[in-house]
C-alpha atoms as a PDB file:
ATOM      1  CA  UNK A   1      23.825  79.770  80.364  1.00  0.00           C
ATOM      2  CA  UNK A   2      25.765  80.142  82.924  1.00  0.00           C
ATOM      3  CA  UNK A   3      25.618  83.264  83.591  1.00  0.00           C
ATOM      4  CA  UNK A   4      22.422  82.651  84.695  1.00  0.00           C
ATOM      5  CA  UNK A   5      22.270  79.487  86.939  1.00  0.00           C
ATOM      6  CA  UNK A   6      25.448  81.390  88.454  1.00  0.00           C
ATOM      7  CA  UNK A   7      22.912  84.258  89.068  1.00  0.00           C
ATOM      8  CA  UNK A   8      20.418  82.325  90.444  1.00  0.00           C
ATOM      9  CA  UNK A   9      22.655  80.709  92.577  1.00  0.00           C
ATOM     10  CA  UNK A  10      23.519  83.715  94.204  1.00  0.00           C
ATOM     11  CA  UNK A  11      20.246  84.494  94.783  1.00  0.00           C
ATOM     12  CA  UNK A  12      19.136  81.871  96.333  1.00  0.00           C
ATOM     13  CA  UNK A  13      22.480  81.710  99.037  1.00  0.00           C
ATOM     14  CA  UNK A  14      21.643  85.555  99.435  1.00  0.00           C
ATOM     15  CA  UNK A  15      18.315  84.720 100.954  1.00  0.00           C
ATOM     16  CA  UNK A  16      18.925  81.413 102.574  1.00  0.00           C
ATOM     17  CA  UNK A  17      21.260  82.980 105.555  1.00  0.00           C
ATOM     18  CA  UNK A  18      22.074  78.994 107.025  1.00  0.00           C
ATOM     19  CA  UNK A  19      21.675  76.109 105.518  1.00  0.00           C
ATOM     20  CA  UNK A  20      20.601  73.970 108.552  1.00  0.00           C
ATOM     21  CA  UNK A  21      20.305  70.452 108.897  1.00  0.00           C
ATOM     22  CA  UNK A  22      16.626  68.473 109.046  1.00  0.00           C
ATOM     23  CA  UNK A  23      17.391  67.213 111.442  1.00  0.00           C
ATOM     24  CA  UNK A  24      19.301  69.399 114.646  1.00  0.00           C
ATOM     25  CA  UNK A  25      20.950  66.036 116.340  1.00  0.00           C
ATOM     26  CA  UNK A  26      22.927  66.130 113.213  1.00  0.00           C
ATOM     27  CA  UNK A  27      24.186  69.775 113.453  1.00  0.00           C
ATOM     28  CA  UNK A  28      27.459  70.935 112.861  1.00  0.00           C
ATOM     29  CA  UNK A  29      29.598  74.090 113.061  1.00  0.00           C
ATOM     30  CA  UNK A  30      33.075  74.894 112.656  1.00  0.00           C
ATOM     31  CA  UNK A  31      32.715  78.769 115.121  1.00  0.00           C
ATOM     32  CA  UNK A  32      34.677  81.851 113.076  1.00  0.00           C
ATOM     33  CA  UNK A  33      33.424  83.718 115.457  1.00  0.00           C
ATOM     34  CA  UNK A  34      34.160  82.989 118.951  1.00  0.00           C
ATOM     35  CA  UNK A  35      33.378  85.327 121.705  1.00  0.00           C
ATOM     36  CA  UNK A  36      31.279  87.949 120.274  1.00  0.00           C
ATOM     37  CA  UNK A  37      27.662  87.757 121.336  1.00  0.00           C
ATOM     38  CA  UNK A  38      24.901  88.160 118.997  1.00  0.00           C
ATOM     39  CA  UNK A  39      21.393  89.665 119.938  1.00  0.00           C
ATOM     40  CA  UNK A  40      18.133  88.034 118.191  1.00  0.00           C
ATOM     41  CA  UNK A  41      15.186  89.855 117.701  1.00  0.00           C
ATOM     42  CA  UNK A  42      13.516  88.108 120.618  1.00  0.00           C
ATOM     43  CA  UNK A  43      15.825  90.086 123.031  1.00  0.00           C
ATOM     44  CA  UNK A  44      17.690  86.898 123.635  1.00  0.00           C
ATOM     45  CA  UNK A  45      21.851  86.595 123.230  1.00  0.00           C
ATOM     46  CA  UNK A  46      23.762  83.840 122.215  1.00  0.00           C
ATOM     47  CA  UNK A  47      27.680  83.962 121.971  1.00  0.00           C
ATOM     48  CA  UNK A  48      29.336  83.921 117.451  1.00  0.00           C
ATOM     49  CA  UNK A  49      27.753  82.752 114.199  1.00  0.00           C
ATOM     50  CA  UNK A  50      27.585  78.676 115.863  1.00  0.00           C
ATOM     51  CA  UNK A  51      25.482  80.159 118.207  1.00  0.00           C
ATOM     52  CA  UNK A  52      23.504  82.040 115.967  1.00  0.00           C
ATOM     53  CA  UNK A  53      22.583  79.602 113.498  1.00  0.00           C
ATOM     54  CA  UNK A  54      21.938  77.143 115.531  1.00  0.00           C
ATOM     55  CA  UNK A  55      18.890  79.813 116.875  1.00  0.00           C
ATOM     56  CA  UNK A  56      18.071  80.535 113.664  1.00  0.00           C
ATOM     57  CA  UNK A  57      17.955  76.527 112.642  1.00  0.00           C
ATOM     58  CA  UNK A  58      15.943  75.658 116.100  1.00  0.00           C
ATOM     59  CA  UNK A  59      13.551  78.373 115.177  1.00  0.00           C
ATOM     60  CA  UNK A  60      13.264  77.189 111.335  1.00  0.00           C
ATOM     61  CA  UNK A  61      12.613  74.006 113.378  1.00  0.00           C
ATOM     62  CA  UNK A  62       9.849  75.100 115.300  1.00  0.00           C
ATOM     63  CA  UNK A  63       7.964  77.248 111.970  1.00  0.00           C
ATOM     64  CA  UNK A  64       9.254  80.043 112.047  1.00  0.00           C
ATOM     65  CA  UNK A  65      10.253  81.673 108.369  1.00  0.00           C
ATOM     66  CA  UNK A  66      13.865  82.987 107.798  1.00  0.00           C
ATOM     67  CA  UNK A  67      13.773  84.168 111.574  1.00  0.00           C
ATOM     68  CA  UNK A  68      15.458  88.491 111.299  1.00  0.00           C
ATOM     69  CA  UNK A  69      19.012  88.041 113.615  1.00  0.00           C
ATOM     70  CA  UNK A  70      20.804  91.434 114.435  1.00  0.00           C
ATOM     71  CA  UNK A  71      24.000  91.598 116.373  1.00  0.00           C
ATOM     72  CA  UNK A  72      26.303  93.393 118.667  1.00  0.00           C
ATOM     73  CA  UNK A  73      30.299  94.476 118.305  1.00  0.00           C
ATOM     74  CA  UNK A  74      30.759  93.806 122.399  1.00  0.00           C
ATOM     75  CA  UNK A  75      33.082  90.920 123.527  1.00  0.00           C
ATOM     76  CA  UNK A  76      30.839  87.349 125.089  1.00  0.00           C
ATOM     77  CA  UNK A  77      33.936  86.111 127.859  1.00  0.00           C
ATOM     78  CA  UNK A  78      34.265  87.082 130.658  1.00  0.00           C
ATOM     79  CA  UNK A  79      31.818  90.523 129.826  1.00  0.00           C
ATOM     80  CA  UNK A  80      28.110  91.868 131.030  1.00  0.00           C
ATOM     81  CA  UNK A  81      25.106  90.771 128.752  1.00  0.00           C
ATOM     82  CA  UNK A  82      24.610  93.394 125.679  1.00  0.00           C
ATOM     83  CA  UNK A  83      22.062  95.363 125.817  1.00  0.00           C
ATOM     84  CA  UNK A  84      20.259  94.120 123.003  1.00  0.00           C
END
């Protein structure tokens, strides 16, 4: 039984990219990839995982269900905008 519960939790976690607060004014994030540009599927870009999480949560708040995100391997700080 424990294995089934653990497997179900793992499937839910894999399908949920980020857990977003219901009120974005309470948004908090611990940055694990500072300065790394992330290209969003609408061809805009943000720096770091927190930027990606913010864009994802903002899109979910606007009604977009599970917006996909792709990443770039360039560095944000002091570099030109990545080609998205």
